[in-house]
Amino acid sequence: MAENSKPDINSLLFAQLVIGFQAEVWQHLGKVANILTGRIEKNLELAKNAIDTLSMLEVKTQGNLSENELIFLRQILSRLRLDYAEAEKNSD
C-alpha cells in the first residue's frame, strides 16, 4: 500500500467520535434502545447537550477539518437538529 493511500487515523477517529455522539442523541431521543437496558428512554435535555457538544466541536475545530470532515459533521448536526426539533414538538 502506498504511503499516501493509508487512511488518516485522525480522520477515522474524528468520524468515530461524531458517530458516537449521533448514537447518543438518537438514544436520548428514543429512536434507539439504551444498549445497557434494552429499553427506549427519552431525555431531551441530554439529547440537546450532546448536540450542543457537537456544535462546540464544529466551532473549536474551525479551519482544522478537511472539507470531507466538515461536510460530514455539518450533515450529522443538521439531521440531529431536525430530529431534536421533531421530538420536542411531539413531546407537547
N, C-alpha and C. Protein backbone atom coordinates (compact mmCIF):
# COMPACT_ATOMS: atom_id res chain seq x y z
N MET A 1 0.86 -1.18 0.00
CA MET A 1 0.00 0.00 0.00
C MET A 1 0.89 1.23 0.00
N ALA A 2 0.64 2.14 -0.88
CA ALA A 2 1.43 3.36 -0.96
C ALA A 2 1.19 4.21 0.28
N GLU A 3 2.20 4.97 0.66
CA GLU A 3 2.14 5.80 1.86
C GLU A 3 0.97 6.78 1.82
N ASN A 4 0.72 7.40 0.67
CA ASN A 4 -0.34 8.40 0.60
C ASN A 4 -1.74 7.81 0.50
N SER A 5 -1.86 6.49 0.39
CA SER A 5 -3.18 5.88 0.32
C SER A 5 -3.63 5.29 1.65
N LYS A 6 -2.79 5.44 2.67
CA LYS A 6 -3.18 4.97 4.01
C LYS A 6 -4.28 5.87 4.56
N PRO A 7 -5.25 5.28 5.24
CA PRO A 7 -6.29 6.12 5.84
C PRO A 7 -5.69 6.99 6.94
N ASP A 8 -6.19 8.20 7.05
CA ASP A 8 -5.76 9.12 8.09
C ASP A 8 -6.43 8.71 9.40
N ILE A 9 -5.63 8.25 10.34
CA ILE A 9 -6.18 7.74 11.60
C ILE A 9 -6.96 8.82 12.34
N ASN A 10 -6.50 10.06 12.26
CA ASN A 10 -7.22 11.13 12.94
C ASN A 10 -8.58 11.39 12.30
N SER A 11 -8.68 11.27 10.99
CA SER A 11 -9.98 11.41 10.33
C SER A 11 -10.93 10.29 10.74
N LEU A 12 -10.39 9.09 10.84
CA LEU A 12 -11.22 7.95 11.26
C LEU A 12 -11.68 8.12 12.70
N LEU A 13 -10.79 8.58 13.57
CA LEU A 13 -11.16 8.80 14.96
C LEU A 13 -12.17 9.94 15.10
N PHE A 14 -12.01 10.98 14.29
CA PHE A 14 -12.97 12.08 14.30
C PHE A 14 -14.36 11.58 13.90
N ALA A 15 -14.42 10.80 12.83
CA ALA A 15 -15.71 10.24 12.38
C ALA A 15 -16.31 9.36 13.47
N GLN A 16 -15.48 8.56 14.12
CA GLN A 16 -15.95 7.69 15.20
C GLN A 16 -16.53 8.52 16.35
N LEU A 17 -15.89 9.62 16.69
CA LEU A 17 -16.37 10.50 17.75
C LEU A 17 -17.73 11.09 17.39
N VAL A 18 -17.85 11.60 16.18
CA VAL A 18 -19.11 12.20 15.73
C VAL A 18 -20.22 11.16 15.71
N ILE A 19 -19.93 9.98 15.21
CA ILE A 19 -20.93 8.90 15.17
C ILE A 19 -21.34 8.49 16.58
N GLY A 20 -20.39 8.51 17.50
CA GLY A 20 -20.71 8.19 18.90
C GLY A 20 -21.71 9.19 19.49
N PHE A 21 -21.49 10.47 19.20
CA PHE A 21 -22.44 11.49 19.67
C PHE A 21 -23.78 11.33 18.97
N GLN A 22 -23.76 10.98 17.69
CA GLN A 22 -25.01 10.76 16.96
C GLN A 22 -25.81 9.64 17.62
N ALA A 23 -25.15 8.55 17.95
CA ALA A 23 -25.82 7.42 18.60
C ALA A 23 -26.37 7.83 19.96
N GLU A 24 -25.61 8.64 20.68
CA GLU A 24 -26.07 9.12 21.99
C GLU A 24 -27.34 9.95 21.85
N VAL A 25 -27.35 10.86 20.87
CA VAL A 25 -28.53 11.69 20.66
C VAL A 25 -29.72 10.82 20.29
N TRP A 26 -29.53 9.89 19.37
CA TRP A 26 -30.64 9.02 18.97
C TRP A 26 -31.19 8.25 20.17
N GLN A 27 -30.30 7.81 21.04
CA GLN A 27 -30.75 7.09 22.23
C GLN A 27 -31.59 8.01 23.11
N HIS A 28 -31.11 9.23 23.33
CA HIS A 28 -31.83 10.17 24.20
C HIS A 28 -33.12 10.67 23.57
N LEU A 29 -33.22 10.60 22.25
CA LEU A 29 -34.47 10.98 21.58
C LEU A 29 -35.45 9.81 21.51
N GLY A 30 -35.02 8.64 21.97
CA GLY A 30 -35.89 7.48 21.94
C GLY A 30 -35.96 6.80 20.59
N LYS A 31 -35.02 7.09 19.71
CA LYS A 31 -35.00 6.47 18.38
C LYS A 31 -34.39 5.07 18.42
N VAL A 32 -33.51 4.84 19.38
CA VAL A 32 -32.90 3.52 19.56
C VAL A 32 -32.92 3.19 21.05
N ALA A 33 -32.89 1.92 21.32
CA ALA A 33 -32.92 1.46 22.72
C ALA A 33 -31.59 1.73 23.42
N ASN A 34 -31.68 1.94 24.70
CA ASN A 34 -30.49 2.05 25.54
C ASN A 34 -29.75 0.72 25.45
N ILE A 35 -28.47 0.75 25.12
CA ILE A 35 -27.74 -0.51 24.93
C ILE A 35 -27.54 -1.27 26.24
N LEU A 36 -27.63 -0.59 27.36
CA LEU A 36 -27.46 -1.26 28.65
C LEU A 36 -28.75 -1.87 29.17
N THR A 37 -29.88 -1.16 28.94
CA THR A 37 -31.15 -1.63 29.50
C THR A 37 -32.04 -2.30 28.46
N GLY A 38 -31.78 -2.01 27.17
CA GLY A 38 -32.63 -2.54 26.12
C GLY A 38 -33.96 -1.83 26.00
N ARG A 39 -34.14 -0.75 26.77
CA ARG A 39 -35.40 -0.01 26.76
C ARG A 39 -35.26 1.31 26.01
N ILE A 40 -36.38 1.77 25.48
CA ILE A 40 -36.43 3.09 24.87
C ILE A 40 -36.58 4.11 25.99
N GLU A 41 -35.66 5.04 26.05
CA GLU A 41 -35.67 6.05 27.11
C GLU A 41 -35.46 7.41 26.47
N LYS A 42 -36.35 8.35 26.75
CA LYS A 42 -36.23 9.70 26.19
C LYS A 42 -35.74 10.68 27.25
N ASN A 43 -34.79 11.50 26.86
CA ASN A 43 -34.31 12.57 27.71
C ASN A 43 -33.85 13.70 26.79
N LEU A 44 -34.75 14.63 26.51
CA LEU A 44 -34.45 15.69 25.56
C LEU A 44 -33.33 16.60 26.04
N GLU A 45 -33.20 16.78 27.33
CA GLU A 45 -32.13 17.62 27.87
C GLU A 45 -30.76 17.01 27.54
N LEU A 46 -30.62 15.71 27.72
CA LEU A 46 -29.35 15.06 27.39
C LEU A 46 -29.09 15.03 25.89
N ALA A 47 -30.16 14.89 25.10
CA ALA A 47 -30.01 14.93 23.65
C ALA A 47 -29.50 16.31 23.23
N LYS A 48 -30.08 17.36 23.78
CA LYS A 48 -29.66 18.72 23.45
C LYS A 48 -28.22 18.95 23.87
N ASN A 49 -27.83 18.44 25.01
CA ASN A 49 -26.45 18.60 25.48
C ASN A 49 -25.47 17.96 24.51
N ALA A 50 -25.79 16.78 24.00
CA ALA A 50 -24.90 16.10 23.06
C ALA A 50 -24.83 16.86 21.73
N ILE A 51 -25.96 17.41 21.27
CA ILE A 51 -25.97 18.22 20.06
C ILE A 51 -25.14 19.49 20.27
N ASP A 52 -25.30 20.11 21.42
CA ASP A 52 -24.52 21.31 21.74
C ASP A 52 -23.02 21.00 21.79
N THR A 53 -22.67 19.83 22.26
CA THR A 53 -21.26 19.44 22.31
C THR A 53 -20.70 19.29 20.89
N LEU A 54 -21.47 18.68 20.01
CA LEU A 54 -21.03 18.58 18.61
C LEU A 54 -20.94 19.96 17.97
N SER A 55 -21.86 20.85 18.30
CA SER A 55 -21.80 22.22 17.79
C SER A 55 -20.54 22.93 18.26
N MET A 56 -20.18 22.73 19.51
CA MET A 56 -18.96 23.30 20.05
C MET A 56 -17.75 22.75 19.31
N LEU A 57 -17.78 21.46 19.02
CA LEU A 57 -16.68 20.83 18.29
C LEU A 57 -16.52 21.46 16.91
N GLU A 58 -17.64 21.76 16.27
CA GLU A 58 -17.60 22.42 14.96
C GLU A 58 -16.91 23.78 15.07
N VAL A 59 -17.26 24.55 16.10
CA VAL A 59 -16.67 25.88 16.29
C VAL A 59 -15.19 25.78 16.63
N LYS A 60 -14.85 24.90 17.56
CA LYS A 60 -13.48 24.81 18.06
C LYS A 60 -12.50 24.20 17.04
N THR A 61 -13.03 23.47 16.07
CA THR A 61 -12.15 22.86 15.06
C THR A 61 -12.14 23.66 13.76
N GLN A 62 -12.78 24.83 13.77
CA GLN A 62 -12.89 25.65 12.56
C GLN A 62 -11.50 25.90 11.96
N GLY A 63 -11.37 25.59 10.68
CA GLY A 63 -10.11 25.77 9.99
C GLY A 63 -9.16 24.60 10.11
N ASN A 64 -9.53 23.59 10.89
CA ASN A 64 -8.65 22.45 11.11
C ASN A 64 -9.21 21.13 10.58
N LEU A 65 -10.40 21.17 10.00
CA LEU A 65 -11.01 19.96 9.44
C LEU A 65 -10.84 19.94 7.94
N SER A 66 -10.74 18.74 7.39
CA SER A 66 -10.74 18.63 5.93
C SER A 66 -12.15 18.98 5.45
N GLU A 67 -12.27 19.21 4.17
CA GLU A 67 -13.59 19.53 3.60
C GLU A 67 -14.57 18.38 3.85
N ASN A 68 -14.10 17.15 3.68
CA ASN A 68 -14.97 15.98 3.91
C ASN A 68 -15.39 15.86 5.37
N GLU A 69 -14.47 16.12 6.29
CA GLU A 69 -14.80 16.06 7.71
C GLU A 69 -15.84 17.12 8.07
N LEU A 70 -15.66 18.32 7.53
CA LEU A 70 -16.59 19.41 7.83
C LEU A 70 -17.98 19.12 7.26
N ILE A 71 -18.03 18.62 6.05
CA ILE A 71 -19.32 18.25 5.45
C ILE A 71 -19.99 17.16 6.28
N PHE A 72 -19.22 16.15 6.67
CA PHE A 72 -19.74 15.05 7.49
C PHE A 72 -20.33 15.57 8.79
N LEU A 73 -19.57 16.40 9.50
CA LEU A 73 -20.03 16.95 10.78
C LEU A 73 -21.29 17.79 10.60
N ARG A 74 -21.30 18.64 9.59
CA ARG A 74 -22.46 19.50 9.37
C ARG A 74 -23.70 18.72 8.97
N GLN A 75 -23.53 17.66 8.19
CA GLN A 75 -24.68 16.83 7.82
C GLN A 75 -25.25 16.13 9.05
N ILE A 76 -24.39 15.59 9.88
CA ILE A 76 -24.85 14.92 11.11
C ILE A 76 -25.56 15.93 12.01
N LEU A 77 -24.96 17.10 12.21
CA LEU A 77 -25.58 18.12 13.05
C LEU A 77 -26.94 18.55 12.51
N SER A 78 -27.03 18.75 11.24
CA SER A 78 -28.29 19.16 10.63
C SER A 78 -29.38 18.12 10.88
N ARG A 79 -29.05 16.86 10.66
CA ARG A 79 -30.03 15.78 10.87
C ARG A 79 -30.43 15.69 12.34
N LEU A 80 -29.46 15.80 13.24
CA LEU A 80 -29.76 15.69 14.67
C LEU A 80 -30.62 16.86 15.14
N ARG A 81 -30.36 18.04 14.62
CA ARG A 81 -31.18 19.20 14.99
C ARG A 81 -32.63 19.02 14.53
N LEU A 82 -32.80 18.50 13.33
CA LEU A 82 -34.15 18.21 12.85
C LEU A 82 -34.83 17.15 13.70
N ASP A 83 -34.10 16.09 14.02
CA ASP A 83 -34.65 15.02 14.87
C ASP A 83 -35.04 15.57 16.23
N TYR A 84 -34.20 16.45 16.79
CA TYR A 84 -34.48 17.04 18.10
C TYR A 84 -35.74 17.91 18.03
N ALA A 85 -35.83 18.74 17.00
CA ALA A 85 -36.99 19.62 16.86
C ALA A 85 -38.28 18.80 16.75
N GLU A 86 -38.22 17.72 16.01
CA GLU A 86 -39.38 16.83 15.87
C GLU A 86 -39.75 16.20 17.22
N ALA A 87 -38.75 15.74 17.95
CA ALA A 87 -39.01 15.11 19.26
C ALA A 87 -39.57 16.13 20.24
N GLU A 88 -39.04 17.35 20.19
CA GLU A 88 -39.52 18.40 21.08
C GLU A 88 -40.97 18.75 20.75
N LYS A 89 -41.29 18.83 19.47
CA LYS A 89 -42.66 19.14 19.03
C LYS A 89 -43.63 18.04 19.48
N ASN A 90 -43.20 16.79 19.40
CA ASN A 90 -44.05 15.66 19.76
C ASN A 90 -44.15 15.43 21.26
N SER A 91 -43.32 16.13 22.04
CA SER A 91 -43.37 15.92 23.49
C SER A 91 -44.42 16.78 24.17
N ASP A 92 -45.01 17.71 23.42
CA ASP A 92 -46.06 18.58 23.99
C ASP A 92 -47.35 17.86 24.22
